[in-house]
């Protein structure tokens, strides 16, 4: 076999492996990991990590421009359970979970639950806006193409969203309560939200 043909085969194999990894999990974000840094949490069978009420820490700064050009500061949503979903229009698992998030967010309107997306790695807003239109996403998404907001919002030692998609829930006091590092269906999403709604 010629050297050129062997090189082409190696490049094709590398490309195939890269594609397989991209499908199995969109990516890890630049947020870094925080597990094991003194945080006490429990990961259940469904891959959802939760922090006991007395062990939670506040989220960092999650404020900036939304995909529709408005300003949003998540700190202003205190008093509500806040569902933060980190997503990208290019991510197949994000597309799979989007209808579930759209449905649950509509079902819980006016019930003390606020949804906020954090769109990342879409370096042009247009595909992200088309994604929201396609799936009927009516809640706002902060625009974070380079992942800087994600880094600020989840301090070291907290349940950081270190993959895409990820979902992090804040309790009514703005503290990080739970996290999932995979796509969620309606039942799993509600299983994260319902205990926080029930908290007194």
Protein backbone atom coordinates (compact mmCIF):
# COMPACT_ATOMS: atom_id res chain seq x y z
CA UNK A 1 0.00 0.00 0.00
CA UNK A 2 1.35 3.42 -0.90
CA UNK A 3 2.16 5.95 1.82
CA UNK A 4 -0.46 8.33 0.39
CA UNK A 5 -3.21 5.70 0.55
CA UNK A 6 -2.25 4.71 4.12
CA UNK A 7 -2.35 8.37 5.19
CA UNK A 8 -5.80 8.84 3.61
CA UNK A 9 -7.12 5.77 5.46
CA UNK A 10 -5.71 7.03 8.77
CA UNK A 11 -7.35 10.43 8.25
CA UNK A 12 -10.70 8.82 7.40
CA UNK A 13 -10.51 6.63 10.54
CA UNK A 14 -9.69 9.67 12.66
CA UNK A 15 -12.59 11.61 11.15
CA UNK A 16 -14.99 8.72 11.77
CA UNK A 17 -13.92 8.49 15.43
CA UNK A 18 -14.34 12.24 15.88
CA UNK A 19 -17.84 12.12 14.39
CA UNK A 20 -18.81 9.24 16.69
CA UNK A 21 -17.66 11.17 19.73
CA UNK A 22 -19.57 14.25 18.58
CA UNK A 23 -22.80 12.24 18.31
CA UNK A 24 -22.43 10.47 21.66
CA UNK A 25 -21.98 13.75 23.56
CA UNK A 26 -21.91 17.12 21.91
CA UNK A 27 -18.89 18.34 23.80
CA UNK A 28 -17.50 19.29 27.12
CA UNK A 29 -17.72 22.98 27.74
CA UNK A 30 -14.82 25.08 28.90
CA UNK A 31 -16.51 25.41 32.27
CA UNK A 32 -14.20 22.92 33.96
CA UNK A 33 -15.26 20.42 36.56
CA UNK A 34 -16.19 21.13 40.09
CA UNK A 35 -17.17 17.72 41.39
CA UNK A 36 -15.17 16.59 44.37
CA UNK A 37 -13.98 20.08 45.24
CA UNK A 38 -15.60 20.04 48.63
CA UNK A 39 -19.14 19.95 47.25
CA UNK A 40 -21.46 17.46 48.94
CA UNK A 41 -23.95 16.11 46.43
CA UNK A 42 -25.66 12.89 45.46
CA UNK A 43 -25.92 11.53 41.92
CA UNK A 44 -29.00 9.38 41.42
CA UNK A 45 -29.59 6.48 39.03
CA UNK A 46 -30.79 8.88 36.31
CA UNK A 47 -27.49 10.77 36.29
CA UNK A 48 -28.99 13.76 38.09
CA UNK A 49 -26.86 15.27 40.87
CA UNK A 50 -28.57 17.02 43.78
CA UNK A 51 -27.29 19.10 46.68
CA UNK A 52 -29.03 19.03 50.08
CA UNK A 53 -30.73 22.30 50.95
CA UNK A 54 -28.22 23.18 53.68
CA UNK A 55 -25.21 22.52 51.42
CA UNK A 56 -26.08 24.70 48.44
CA UNK A 57 -24.01 27.64 47.22
CA UNK A 58 -25.19 30.67 45.25
CA UNK A 59 -24.76 30.81 41.50
CA UNK A 60 -22.30 33.37 40.22
CA UNK A 61 -23.08 36.18 37.79
CA UNK A 62 -25.42 35.05 35.02
CA UNK A 63 -26.25 38.26 33.21
CA UNK A 64 -25.94 39.55 29.69
CA UNK A 65 -27.62 39.90 26.33
CA UNK A 66 -30.25 37.44 25.17
CA UNK A 67 -30.62 36.07 21.66
CA UNK A 68 -33.30 38.70 21.01
CA UNK A 69 -30.99 41.55 22.10
CA UNK A 70 -32.50 42.24 25.53
CA UNK A 71 -30.63 42.32 28.84
CA UNK A 72 -31.27 39.63 31.43
CA UNK A 73 -29.87 39.09 34.92
CA UNK A 74 -30.77 35.72 36.44
CA UNK A 75 -30.29 37.22 39.94
CA UNK A 76 -33.51 39.17 39.30
CA UNK A 77 -35.43 35.87 39.18
CA UNK A 78 -34.88 35.05 42.88
CA UNK A 79 -38.07 33.87 44.52
CA UNK A 80 -38.59 31.43 41.64
CA UNK A 81 -37.15 28.03 40.87
CA UNK A 82 -34.88 28.70 37.87
CA UNK A 83 -34.17 26.09 35.20
CA UNK A 84 -30.95 26.86 33.31
CA UNK A 85 -30.43 24.87 30.11
CA UNK A 86 -27.06 25.10 28.33
CA UNK A 87 -27.50 24.30 24.63
CA UNK A 88 -26.29 24.85 21.09
CA UNK A 89 -28.22 24.67 17.83
CA UNK A 90 -25.51 22.36 16.40
CA UNK A 91 -25.98 19.74 19.15
CA UNK A 92 -28.22 16.71 18.32
CA UNK A 93 -29.06 15.88 21.99
CA UNK A 94 -30.05 19.55 22.49
CA UNK A 95 -32.46 19.21 19.59
CA UNK A 96 -33.86 16.00 21.11
CA UNK A 97 -34.61 17.61 24.48
CA UNK A 98 -35.86 20.99 23.20
CA UNK A 99 -39.53 19.95 22.70
CA UNK A 100 -39.64 18.67 26.30
CA UNK A 101 -38.25 21.95 27.66
CA UNK A 102 -40.69 23.98 25.55
CA UNK A 103 -43.66 21.92 26.82
CA UNK A 104 -42.69 21.93 30.52
CA UNK A 105 -41.87 25.65 30.49
CA UNK A 106 -45.32 26.40 29.03
CA UNK A 107 -47.04 24.05 31.50
CA UNK A 108 -45.37 25.77 34.47
CA UNK A 109 -45.96 29.40 33.48
CA UNK A 110 -47.25 31.35 36.46
CA UNK A 111 -46.27 28.59 38.91
CA UNK A 112 -43.05 30.07 40.28
CA UNK A 113 -40.70 28.42 37.79
CA UNK A 114 -38.62 30.39 35.28
CA UNK A 115 -36.69 28.89 32.39
CA UNK A 116 -33.55 30.48 30.96
CA UNK A 117 -31.43 29.04 28.18
CA UNK A 118 -27.73 29.69 27.80
CA UNK A 119 -26.84 29.36 24.14
CA UNK A 120 -23.19 28.55 23.57
CA UNK A 121 -20.82 27.94 20.65
CA UNK A 122 -23.23 29.38 18.13
CA UNK A 123 -20.97 32.10 16.76
CA UNK A 124 -23.85 33.57 14.79
CA UNK A 125 -27.23 34.18 16.42
CA UNK A 126 -29.26 33.17 13.37
CA UNK A 127 -29.01 29.35 13.78
CA UNK A 128 -29.82 29.69 17.49
CA UNK A 129 -32.86 31.86 16.77
CA UNK A 130 -34.01 29.36 14.11
CA UNK A 131 -33.65 26.57 16.70
CA UNK A 132 -35.91 28.44 19.14
CA UNK A 133 -38.49 29.05 16.40
CA UNK A 134 -38.41 25.43 15.26
CA UNK A 135 -39.02 24.01 18.73
CA UNK A 136 -41.34 26.72 20.07
CA UNK A 137 -38.94 27.83 22.80
CA UNK A 138 -40.62 30.89 24.31
CA UNK A 139 -38.30 31.58 27.26
CA UNK A 140 -35.18 33.77 26.88
CA UNK A 141 -31.69 32.47 26.22
CA UNK A 142 -28.54 34.31 27.20
CA UNK A 143 -26.10 34.45 24.28
CA UNK A 144 -22.74 33.01 25.36
CA UNK A 145 -20.87 31.96 22.20
CA UNK A 146 -17.48 31.58 23.89
CA UNK A 147 -18.65 30.04 27.19
CA UNK A 148 -17.47 32.96 29.34
CA UNK A 149 -20.81 33.36 31.07
CA UNK A 150 -20.88 29.68 31.99
CA UNK A 151 -17.47 30.08 33.62
CA UNK A 152 -18.63 33.06 35.71
CA UNK A 153 -21.99 31.61 36.64
CA UNK A 154 -20.84 28.39 38.26
CA UNK A 155 -18.00 28.90 40.75
CA UNK A 156 -15.45 26.19 41.50
CA UNK A 157 -16.86 23.70 43.96
CA UNK A 158 -20.40 23.87 42.56
CA UNK A 159 -22.30 21.62 40.19
CA UNK A 160 -20.96 23.22 37.00
CA UNK A 161 -22.51 22.42 33.62
CA UNK A 162 -19.42 20.80 32.12
CA UNK A 163 -21.07 19.35 29.04
CA UNK A 164 -23.54 20.34 26.33
CA UNK A 165 -26.40 19.88 26.88
CA UNK A 166 -26.49 20.44 30.63
CA UNK A 167 -29.29 21.58 32.89
CA UNK A 168 -28.78 23.27 36.27
CA UNK A 169 -31.59 24.21 38.66
CA UNK A 170 -31.45 27.06 41.14
CA UNK A 171 -33.68 27.09 44.20
CA UNK A 172 -35.78 30.11 45.16
CA UNK A 173 -32.75 31.66 46.88
CA UNK A 174 -30.63 31.53 43.73
CA UNK A 175 -28.54 28.60 44.99
CA UNK A 176 -27.40 25.68 42.81
CA UNK A 177 -29.61 22.73 43.71
CA UNK A 178 -29.26 20.10 40.99
CA UNK A 179 -27.63 19.28 37.67
CA UNK A 180 -27.94 16.90 34.72
CA UNK A 181 -25.15 16.47 32.17
CA UNK A 182 -27.26 14.85 29.47
CA UNK A 183 -30.41 15.43 27.45
CA UNK A 184 -33.62 15.26 29.48
CA UNK A 185 -37.10 14.11 28.57
CA UNK A 186 -40.21 15.58 30.17
CA UNK A 187 -40.32 13.08 33.06
CA UNK A 188 -36.68 13.57 34.06
CA UNK A 189 -36.99 17.34 33.80
CA UNK A 190 -40.06 17.34 36.04
CA UNK A 191 -38.27 15.01 38.49
CA UNK A 192 -35.69 17.77 38.97
CA UNK A 193 -38.18 20.62 39.22
CA UNK A 194 -40.93 19.14 41.41
CA UNK A 195 -38.86 18.71 44.62
CA UNK A 196 -37.75 22.37 44.41
CA UNK A 197 -41.33 23.57 43.90
CA UNK A 198 -42.30 21.57 47.00
CA UNK A 199 -39.59 23.11 49.20
CA UNK A 200 -40.70 25.54 51.88
